[in-house]
Amino acid sequence: MVETVEVAALPLAPRNPLPYLQQMKAARSFHTGCEALRDAGGQVTRCSLAPTWMGPPVVVTTSPKGARDVLSRSYPFVDRAQPVFTEHRRLAGGSLFNFKHEAWLPRRRALQPVFTKQHVTQFAGHMAEGADKLSRAWGDGAELDLDQECRRLTLRVLARSVLGLDLDARADPLGEPLRTAAMYVAGRAVRPVRAPWWLPTPARRRARAASATFHGLADDILQGCRADPTRDAPLVRALIDVADPETGQPLSDVDIRHELVVFLGAGYDTTATTLTYALWALGHHLDLQDRVAAEVAAVGDRPLTSDDVPRLGYTVQVLHEALRLCPPAAGTSRMVMKDFDVDGYRVEAGTLVLVGIYAMHRDPVLWGHPLVFDPDRFSPGKLQGPGSLAIPAVWWRAAVLHWRSLRHARSDSRSGDHHSAHRNSIARR
């Protein structure tokens, strides 16, 4: 990237004025913490949460320009050297998600062809079929735990569409290990003082047991595909077949298992969170729900494909608005390896820079009536706000195709709030 400013001449981000304990509380609050830091210190603010020998200084940005400045950077300006990736590598194994640059680059070269539009199209039919099958099984007038059902749906559809596996008997037991591992990694990442990795604490034993559960599943998937060449498992087949285009080196079975674990964990949580919030929000706005149902019904009584996505304009707007108000990742971070500018401020090497996605999506400076669920703000020609809605394309398309279920289901979640959406119900028409 070509620098357009003299970075050394820029000022450092202003220090956040909140007292230390309030800054620590905000750092541990994954969703609302960045909002508190932004409200006190502005859209780019600097925090010192620990002595430098214990942890790096932190810069938080919640501005669209700041987000672009950070997320558009690559090595040598930033790398995956922050604690969350270190903890993830230790627990789940090295993968495209958590590798540092030196190991990440050859893995990216090898895996890039897997996530082309051609492969996503191949997954689409299974996604729509799985969503349709589960929604038909709900029964008329059934009251369901919306969060649990969306997670079950997502895990089953992922398994059937890209892994060639029927997880009906294992979907529920897998949910808890995935949550256990995620909470362990996140909790370790924000602690300035961590127990040594070798110390068998109760939390670490639970996390390692959880890791063993989904690594065992990944191994079952891989060995099953090797034993049965006819199994329809497009992602696994693609991982078996890929090789680094420069070296010709294929992935080992260990490499494939690690990538499958990340694929399961990331895809499960992002898509399930988006579906849960979108359905919960539609339960509070039955007029909007009727518009979605009518749009999907207009496609006709046939399986949806990825080619239908452009015809589901309002459905896409609903998902965009769900992603705005409830992004699956509340924030994302980078470790700065070389000084660069973030929205007019100098961020020095050795700094952990955090992009507050949740806070940016709810900033009243950027969005009119930011807490109102209004899909029309994303209508053509009327896009309001920065439009910085972060979700991998494969999961965004998956979420769209899962809306096949709305042909048959009506959400009724008019009690509660978005923090307790999982307790609300969905009643089939």
Protein backbone atom coordinates (compact mmCIF):
# COMPACT_ATOMS: atom_id res chain seq x y z
CA MET A 1 0.00 0.00 0.00
CA VAL A 2 1.33 3.47 -0.90
CA GLU A 3 1.32 5.92 2.01
CA THR A 4 -0.37 9.23 1.20
CA VAL A 5 0.54 11.00 4.46
CA GLU A 6 3.71 11.48 6.46
CA VAL A 7 2.90 9.08 9.26
CA ALA A 8 5.66 10.30 11.59
CA ALA A 9 4.14 13.79 11.58
CA LEU A 10 0.71 12.64 12.73
CA PRO A 11 -0.33 12.86 16.38
CA LEU A 12 -1.01 9.80 18.46
CA ALA A 13 -4.64 8.99 19.14
CA PRO A 14 -5.93 10.88 22.19
CA ARG A 15 -5.91 9.03 25.48
CA ASN A 16 -9.27 7.80 26.64
CA PRO A 17 -10.42 9.84 29.65
CA LEU A 18 -12.31 7.04 31.40
CA PRO A 19 -10.84 5.91 34.74
CA TYR A 20 -8.71 2.77 34.52
CA LEU A 21 -11.27 0.42 36.06
CA GLN A 22 -13.95 1.61 33.64
CA GLN A 23 -11.57 1.07 30.72
CA MET A 24 -10.90 -2.48 31.94
CA LYS A 25 -14.62 -3.11 32.30
CA ALA A 26 -15.17 -1.87 28.74
CA ALA A 27 -12.34 -4.07 27.43
CA ARG A 28 -14.03 -7.13 28.93
CA SER A 29 -17.45 -6.24 27.52
CA PHE A 30 -17.19 -7.63 24.00
CA HIS A 31 -20.33 -5.96 22.63
CA THR A 32 -20.92 -2.66 24.39
CA GLY A 33 -17.40 -1.90 25.62
CA CYS A 34 -16.29 -0.09 22.47
CA GLU A 35 -19.40 2.10 22.65
CA ALA A 36 -18.39 3.26 26.13
CA LEU A 37 -14.83 3.97 24.99
CA ARG A 38 -16.09 5.82 21.89
CA ASP A 39 -18.57 7.94 23.85
CA ALA A 40 -15.84 8.99 26.27
CA GLY A 41 -12.85 9.34 23.94
CA GLY A 42 -14.12 9.71 20.37
CA GLN A 43 -14.03 7.48 17.30
CA VAL A 44 -10.27 6.90 17.63
CA THR A 45 -9.04 6.58 21.20
CA ARG A 46 -6.00 5.14 23.00
CA CYS A 47 -6.07 3.00 26.12
CA SER A 48 -3.33 1.70 28.40
CA LEU A 49 -4.76 -1.33 30.12
CA ALA A 50 -1.53 -2.75 31.49
CA PRO A 51 2.21 -2.02 31.72
CA THR A 52 3.91 -2.61 28.37
CA TRP A 53 5.73 -5.66 29.72
CA MET A 54 2.33 -7.25 30.44
CA GLY A 55 0.35 -6.19 27.38
CA PRO A 56 0.42 -3.82 24.42
CA PRO A 57 -1.20 -0.38 24.32
CA VAL A 58 -4.62 -0.46 22.65
CA VAL A 59 -6.15 1.88 20.08
CA VAL A 60 -9.88 1.55 19.44
CA THR A 61 -11.47 2.91 16.28
CA THR A 62 -15.20 3.02 15.55
CA SER A 63 -15.13 5.27 12.48
CA PRO A 64 -15.68 3.94 8.94
CA LYS A 65 -12.41 5.50 7.75
CA GLY A 66 -10.54 4.08 10.71
CA ALA A 67 -11.98 0.65 10.01
CA ARG A 68 -10.89 0.84 6.38
CA ASP A 69 -7.42 2.05 7.38
CA VAL A 70 -6.99 -0.96 9.66
CA LEU A 71 -8.73 -3.72 7.72
CA SER A 72 -7.18 -2.78 4.37
CA ARG A 73 -3.69 -3.22 5.81
CA SER A 74 -1.72 -6.38 5.38
CA TYR A 75 1.76 -7.54 6.26
CA PRO A 76 4.22 -5.90 7.03
CA PHE A 77 1.96 -3.30 8.67
CA VAL A 78 -0.13 -5.81 10.66
CA ASP A 79 0.01 -9.47 11.60
CA ARG A 80 -1.96 -12.02 13.62
CA ALA A 81 0.29 -11.74 16.65
CA GLN A 82 -2.31 -10.73 19.20
CA PRO A 83 -3.30 -13.01 22.10
CA VAL A 84 -6.66 -14.13 20.64
CA PHE A 85 -4.92 -15.76 17.66
CA THR A 86 -2.19 -17.27 19.83
CA GLU A 87 -4.79 -18.83 22.11
CA HIS A 88 -6.82 -20.03 19.13
CA ARG A 89 -3.76 -21.69 17.56
CA ARG A 90 -2.96 -23.45 20.81
CA LEU A 91 -6.46 -24.81 21.24
CA ALA A 92 -7.72 -25.43 17.70
CA GLY A 93 -4.47 -25.80 15.73
CA GLY A 94 -2.94 -23.62 13.02
CA SER A 95 -5.26 -22.53 10.23
CA LEU A 96 -5.95 -19.80 7.70
CA PHE A 97 -7.84 -17.96 10.45
CA ASN A 98 -5.04 -17.74 13.01
CA PHE A 99 -1.68 -18.20 11.28
CA LYS A 100 0.93 -15.46 11.33
CA HIS A 101 1.90 -14.13 7.93
CA GLU A 102 4.74 -16.53 7.16
CA ALA A 103 2.52 -19.60 7.56
CA TRP A 104 -0.66 -17.84 6.42
CA LEU A 105 0.56 -16.91 2.93
CA PRO A 106 1.09 -20.43 1.52
CA ARG A 107 -2.14 -21.63 3.15
CA ARG A 108 -4.05 -18.75 1.57
CA ARG A 109 -2.57 -19.54 -1.85
CA ALA A 110 -3.71 -23.13 -1.48
CA LEU A 111 -7.21 -22.42 -0.19
CA GLN A 112 -8.17 -19.41 -2.28
CA PRO A 113 -9.76 -21.52 -5.05
CA VAL A 114 -12.02 -23.27 -2.51
CA PHE A 115 -14.10 -20.16 -1.85
CA THR A 116 -14.81 -19.02 -5.38
CA LYS A 117 -18.32 -18.27 -6.59
CA GLN A 118 -18.35 -21.66 -8.33
CA HIS A 119 -17.91 -23.52 -5.05
CA VAL A 120 -20.44 -21.36 -3.19
CA THR A 121 -22.99 -22.14 -5.91
CA GLN A 122 -22.26 -25.82 -5.38
CA PHE A 123 -23.11 -25.50 -1.67
CA ALA A 124 -26.34 -23.55 -2.23
CA GLY A 125 -28.73 -26.36 -3.08
CA HIS A 126 -27.91 -28.26 0.08
CA MET A 127 -28.36 -25.13 2.17
CA ALA A 128 -31.84 -24.40 0.85
CA GLU A 129 -32.87 -28.06 1.13
CA GLY A 130 -31.71 -28.34 4.74
CA ALA A 131 -33.48 -25.18 5.82
CA ASP A 132 -36.69 -26.27 4.12
CA LYS A 133 -36.62 -29.75 5.67
CA LEU A 134 -36.10 -28.53 9.22
CA SER A 135 -38.74 -25.79 9.02
CA ARG A 136 -41.33 -28.30 7.76
CA ALA A 137 -40.58 -30.49 10.77
CA TRP A 138 -41.43 -27.76 13.26
CA GLY A 139 -45.18 -28.38 13.07
CA ASP A 140 -48.13 -26.00 13.14
CA GLY A 141 -48.26 -23.72 16.17
CA ALA A 142 -45.04 -25.07 17.67
CA GLU A 143 -43.17 -22.88 20.15
CA LEU A 144 -39.44 -23.22 19.75
CA ASP A 145 -36.25 -21.85 21.29
CA LEU A 146 -35.25 -19.60 18.40
CA ASP A 147 -31.54 -19.47 19.21
CA GLN A 148 -31.31 -23.23 19.66
CA GLU A 149 -33.27 -23.96 16.48
CA CYS A 150 -31.17 -21.59 14.35
CA ARG A 151 -27.96 -23.11 15.68
CA ARG A 152 -29.25 -26.61 15.07
CA LEU A 153 -30.33 -25.62 11.56
CA THR A 154 -27.00 -24.01 10.74
CA LEU A 155 -24.90 -26.91 12.00
CA ARG A 156 -27.01 -29.49 10.17
CA VAL A 157 -27.02 -27.53 6.94
CA LEU A 158 -23.28 -26.92 7.11
CA ALA A 159 -22.68 -30.60 7.70
CA ARG A 160 -24.92 -31.73 4.85
CA SER A 161 -23.98 -29.08 2.32
CA VAL A 162 -20.21 -28.95 2.58
CA LEU A 163 -19.09 -31.83 4.79
CA GLY A 164 -21.20 -34.69 3.47
CA LEU A 165 -22.31 -35.67 6.95
CA ASP A 166 -25.67 -36.17 8.64
CA LEU A 167 -25.36 -34.49 12.03
CA ASP A 168 -28.95 -34.95 13.19
CA ALA A 169 -27.82 -37.13 16.08
CA ARG A 170 -24.81 -34.94 16.98
CA ALA A 171 -25.96 -31.37 16.32
CA ASP A 172 -27.09 -30.61 19.88
CA PRO A 173 -24.06 -32.15 21.67
CA LEU A 174 -21.69 -30.18 19.44
CA GLY A 175 -23.14 -26.77 20.23
CA GLU A 176 -21.90 -26.67 23.81
CA PRO A 177 -18.25 -27.63 23.01
CA LEU A 178 -18.11 -24.92 20.35
CA ARG A 179 -19.35 -22.31 22.83
CA THR A 180 -16.99 -23.56 25.55
CA ALA A 181 -13.96 -23.26 23.29
CA ALA A 182 -14.96 -19.82 22.00
CA MET A 183 -15.50 -18.40 25.48
CA TYR A 184 -12.21 -19.84 26.71
CA VAL A 185 -10.21 -18.27 23.87
CA ALA A 186 -11.97 -14.91 24.23
CA GLY A 187 -11.53 -14.88 28.00
CA ARG A 188 -7.82 -15.69 27.82
CA ALA A 189 -7.26 -13.07 25.14
CA VAL A 190 -8.37 -10.13 27.30
CA ARG A 191 -6.53 -11.08 30.48
CA PRO A 192 -3.28 -9.18 31.04
CA VAL A 193 -2.07 -12.04 33.26
CA ARG A 194 -2.70 -15.60 32.09
CA ALA A 195 -2.03 -18.92 33.75
CA PRO A 196 0.70 -20.88 31.90
CA TRP A 197 -0.61 -23.01 29.05
CA TRP A 198 0.67 -26.20 30.67
CA LEU A 199 -1.25 -25.61 33.92
CA PRO A 200 -4.35 -27.90 33.97
CA THR A 201 -6.94 -25.42 35.24
CA PRO A 202 -10.63 -26.47 35.23
CA ALA A 203 -11.39 -24.03 32.38
CA ARG A 204 -8.50 -25.38 30.33
CA ARG A 205 -9.57 -28.97 30.86
CA ARG A 206 -13.07 -28.09 29.64
CA ALA A 207 -11.65 -26.24 26.63
CA ARG A 208 -9.32 -29.10 25.70
CA ALA A 209 -12.17 -31.59 26.01
CA ALA A 210 -14.27 -29.37 23.74
CA SER A 211 -11.41 -29.16 21.25
CA ALA A 212 -11.03 -32.94 21.29
CA THR A 213 -14.76 -33.29 20.52
CA PHE A 214 -14.78 -31.24 17.33
CA HIS A 215 -11.33 -32.43 16.23
CA GLY A 216 -12.70 -35.96 16.54
CA LEU A 217 -15.64 -34.97 14.37
CA ALA A 218 -13.32 -33.39 11.79
CA ASP A 219 -11.27 -36.58 11.67
CA ASP A 220 -14.43 -38.69 11.23
CA ILE A 221 -15.49 -36.45 8.34
CA LEU A 222 -12.12 -36.63 6.63
CA GLN A 223 -11.66 -40.38 7.01
CA GLY A 224 -15.22 -40.99 5.89
CA CYS A 225 -14.59 -39.06 2.68
CA ARG A 226 -11.35 -40.89 2.01
CA ALA A 227 -13.09 -44.24 2.56
CA ASP A 228 -16.10 -43.36 0.37
CA PRO A 229 -15.15 -41.55 -2.87
CA THR A 230 -18.86 -41.13 -3.71
CA ARG A 231 -19.73 -39.09 -0.59
CA ASP A 232 -21.06 -35.67 -1.54
CA ALA A 233 -18.78 -33.41 0.55
CA PRO A 234 -17.64 -30.52 -1.64
CA LEU A 235 -15.59 -28.65 0.95
CA VAL A 236 -13.75 -31.74 2.16
CA ARG A 237 -13.07 -32.83 -1.43
CA ALA A 238 -11.75 -29.38 -2.22
CA LEU A 239 -9.43 -29.41 0.79
CA ILE A 240 -8.12 -32.85 -0.15
CA ASP A 241 -7.45 -31.73 -3.73
CA VAL A 242 -5.88 -28.30 -3.14
CA ALA A 243 -2.17 -27.60 -3.29
CA ASP A 244 -0.01 -24.51 -3.02
CA PRO A 245 0.24 -23.29 -6.64
CA GLU A 246 3.86 -22.23 -6.12
CA THR A 247 5.20 -25.31 -4.32
CA GLY A 248 2.69 -27.99 -5.28
CA GLN A 249 2.47 -28.96 -1.61
CA PRO A 250 -0.94 -30.45 -0.66
CA LEU A 251 -2.53 -30.13 2.76
CA SER A 252 -1.77 -32.85 5.28
CA ASP A 253 -4.60 -34.59 7.11
CA VAL A 254 -3.73 -32.54 10.20
CA ASP A 255 -3.96 -29.33 8.14
CA ILE A 256 -7.34 -30.38 6.74
CA ARG A 257 -8.70 -31.20 10.20
CA HIS A 258 -7.65 -27.80 11.53
CA GLU A 259 -9.34 -26.00 8.63
CA LEU A 260 -12.52 -28.05 9.06
CA VAL A 261 -12.64 -27.17 12.76
CA VAL A 262 -12.38 -23.45 11.98
CA PHE A 263 -14.93 -23.75 9.17
CA LEU A 264 -17.40 -25.47 11.49
CA GLY A 265 -16.90 -23.04 14.37
CA ALA A 266 -16.93 -19.81 12.37
CA GLY A 267 -19.72 -20.80 10.02
CA TYR A 268 -21.87 -22.17 12.82
CA ASP A 269 -21.74 -19.05 14.96
CA THR A 270 -21.90 -16.31 12.31
CA THR A 271 -24.82 -17.68 10.34
CA ALA A 272 -26.78 -18.85 13.40
CA THR A 273 -26.41 -15.46 15.10
CA THR A 274 -27.59 -13.61 12.01
CA LEU A 275 -30.59 -15.88 11.48
CA THR A 276 -31.59 -15.74 15.14
CA TYR A 277 -31.51 -11.97 15.32
CA ALA A 278 -33.22 -11.49 11.95
CA LEU A 279 -36.09 -13.83 12.85
CA TRP A 280 -36.38 -12.30 16.32
CA ALA A 281 -36.55 -8.80 14.81
CA LEU A 282 -39.17 -9.87 12.27
CA GLY A 283 -41.21 -11.26 15.15
CA HIS A 284 -41.45 -7.69 16.42
CA HIS A 285 -42.36 -6.33 12.97
CA LEU A 286 -44.94 -8.62 11.40
CA ASP A 287 -45.50 -6.22 8.49
CA LEU A 288 -41.82 -6.58 7.53
CA GLN A 289 -42.06 -10.34 8.00
CA ASP A 290 -44.97 -10.46 5.55
CA ARG A 291 -42.89 -8.59 2.95
CA VAL A 292 -40.09 -11.15 3.27
CA ALA A 293 -42.48 -14.10 3.07
CA ALA A 294 -44.20 -12.66 -0.01
CA GLU A 295 -40.88 -12.02 -1.75
CA VAL A 296 -39.65 -15.56 -1.14
CA ALA A 297 -43.01 -17.06 -2.18
CA ALA A 298 -42.88 -15.12 -5.44
CA VAL A 299 -39.84 -17.15 -6.48
CA GLY A 300 -42.13 -20.15 -6.85
CA ASP A 301 -42.54 -23.52 -5.22
CA ARG A 302 -39.13 -24.87 -6.11
CA PRO A 303 -35.74 -25.13 -4.42
CA LEU A 304 -33.83 -21.88 -4.20
CA THR A 305 -30.41 -21.52 -5.79
CA SER A 306 -27.72 -18.88 -5.53
CA ASP A 307 -29.05 -17.46 -8.80
CA ASP A 308 -32.21 -16.43 -6.92
CA VAL A 309 -30.36 -14.15 -4.49
CA PRO A 310 -30.61 -11.05 -6.76
CA ARG A 311 -34.41 -11.53 -6.79
CA LEU A 312 -34.59 -11.45 -2.99
CA GLY A 313 -33.74 -7.78 -2.60
CA TYR A 314 -35.82 -7.06 0.49
CA THR A 315 -34.68 -10.27 2.17
CA VAL A 316 -31.09 -9.15 1.65
CA GLN A 317 -31.96 -5.76 3.18
CA VAL A 318 -33.37 -7.53 6.26
CA LEU A 319 -30.15 -9.51 6.64
CA HIS A 320 -28.04 -6.38 6.20
CA GLU A 321 -30.03 -4.66 8.94
CA ALA A 322 -29.70 -7.72 11.19
CA LEU A 323 -25.95 -7.67 10.59
CA ARG A 324 -25.85 -3.96 11.39
CA LEU A 325 -27.62 -4.27 14.73
CA CYS A 326 -26.21 -7.65 15.73
CA PRO A 327 -22.93 -8.35 13.91
CA PRO A 328 -21.67 -11.89 14.62
CA ALA A 329 -18.30 -10.39 15.55
CA ALA A 330 -18.58 -7.34 17.82
CA GLY A 331 -15.07 -6.31 16.85
CA THR A 332 -11.88 -7.43 15.19
CA SER A 333 -8.27 -6.65 15.96
CA ARG A 334 -4.81 -6.43 14.42
CA MET A 335 -1.34 -6.26 15.93
CA VAL A 336 0.57 -3.33 14.43
CA MET A 337 4.03 -4.29 13.17
CA LYS A 338 4.88 -0.98 11.46
CA ASP A 339 3.57 2.54 12.14
CA PHE A 340 0.60 3.65 10.01
CA ASP A 341 -2.25 6.13 10.15
CA VAL A 342 -5.75 5.41 11.41
CA ASP A 343 -8.23 8.14 10.57
CA GLY A 344 -5.62 10.88 10.90
CA TYR A 345 -3.73 9.50 13.90
CA ARG A 346 -0.43 7.64 14.11
CA VAL A 347 -0.64 4.10 15.47
CA GLU A 348 2.76 2.82 16.52
CA ALA A 349 4.28 -0.60 16.06
CA GLY A 350 3.53 -2.83 19.03
CA THR A 351 -0.01 -1.48 19.42
CA LEU A 352 -3.11 -3.66 19.41
CA VAL A 353 -5.68 -1.87 17.24
CA LEU A 354 -9.33 -2.84 17.67
CA VAL A 355 -12.12 -2.07 15.19
CA GLY A 356 -15.39 -1.75 17.13
CA ILE A 357 -17.87 -3.13 14.59
CA TYR A 358 -20.82 -3.26 16.99
CA ALA A 359 -20.20 0.31 18.16
CA MET A 360 -19.78 1.61 14.60
CA HIS A 361 -23.03 -0.03 13.49
CA ARG A 362 -24.94 1.68 16.32
CA ASP A 363 -23.28 5.09 16.22
CA PRO A 364 -25.92 7.89 16.11
CA VAL A 365 -23.41 10.06 14.23
CA LEU A 366 -23.43 7.55 11.37
CA TRP A 367 -27.00 6.22 11.42
CA GLY A 368 -30.34 7.97 11.85
CA HIS A 369 -32.32 6.29 14.68
CA PRO A 370 -29.57 3.66 15.04
CA LEU A 371 -31.48 1.32 17.37
CA VAL A 372 -34.53 1.06 15.09
CA PHE A 373 -34.76 -2.07 12.94
CA ASP A 374 -35.31 -0.55 9.49
CA PRO A 375 -34.31 -2.68 6.47
CA ASP A 376 -35.33 0.13 4.13
CA ARG A 377 -32.19 2.05 5.11
CA PHE A 378 -30.42 -0.44 2.78
CA SER A 379 -32.84 -0.05 -0.12
CA PRO A 380 -31.30 0.82 -3.52
CA GLY A 381 -30.33 4.47 -3.72
CA LYS A 382 -31.03 5.03 -0.04
CA LEU A 383 -28.05 3.46 1.70
CA GLN A 384 -27.53 5.35 4.92
CA GLY A 385 -24.37 5.01 6.94
CA PRO A 386 -20.97 3.53 6.24
CA GLY A 387 -22.26 0.23 4.92
CA SER A 388 -19.48 -1.56 6.77
CA LEU A 389 -21.20 -4.87 7.46
CA ALA A 390 -18.63 -7.56 7.94
CA ILE A 391 -19.46 -11.20 7.24
CA PRO A 392 -17.74 -13.63 4.87
CA ALA A 393 -19.56 -13.88 1.56
CA VAL A 394 -20.12 -17.62 1.81
CA TRP A 395 -22.03 -17.20 5.10
CA TRP A 396 -24.00 -14.20 3.84
CA ARG A 397 -25.24 -16.29 0.91
CA ALA A 398 -25.96 -19.16 3.26
CA ALA A 399 -28.10 -16.90 5.43
CA VAL A 400 -30.07 -15.72 2.41
CA LEU A 401 -30.75 -19.26 1.27
CA HIS A 402 -31.82 -20.36 4.75
CA TRP A 403 -34.71 -17.93 4.41
CA ARG A 404 -36.42 -20.63 2.38
CA SER A 405 -37.93 -21.56 5.76
CA LEU A 406 -39.98 -18.34 5.75
CA ARG A 407 -42.27 -19.84 3.17
CA HIS A 408 -43.62 -21.96 5.99
CA ALA A 409 -42.74 -20.21 9.25
CA ARG A 410 -43.91 -17.09 10.98
CA SER A 411 -41.88 -15.62 13.82
CA ASP A 412 -43.66 -14.33 16.92
CA SER A 413 -41.14 -12.86 19.33
CA ARG A 414 -42.92 -9.76 20.53
CA SER A 415 -41.88 -10.30 24.14
CA GLY A 416 -38.40 -9.68 25.49
CA ASP A 417 -35.51 -7.76 24.02
CA HIS A 418 -32.64 -8.54 21.68
CA HIS A 419 -30.44 -9.69 24.57
CA SER A 420 -32.93 -12.48 25.31
CA ALA A 421 -33.93 -13.29 21.75
CA HIS A 422 -33.11 -16.95 22.27
CA ARG A 423 -36.01 -17.23 24.71
CA ASN A 424 -38.55 -16.12 22.16
CA SER A 425 -40.53 -18.39 19.92
CA ILE A 426 -41.32 -18.99 16.32
CA ALA A 427 -44.77 -20.26 15.46
CA ARG A 428 -45.41 -21.92 12.13
CA ARG A 429 -48.31 -20.63 10.02
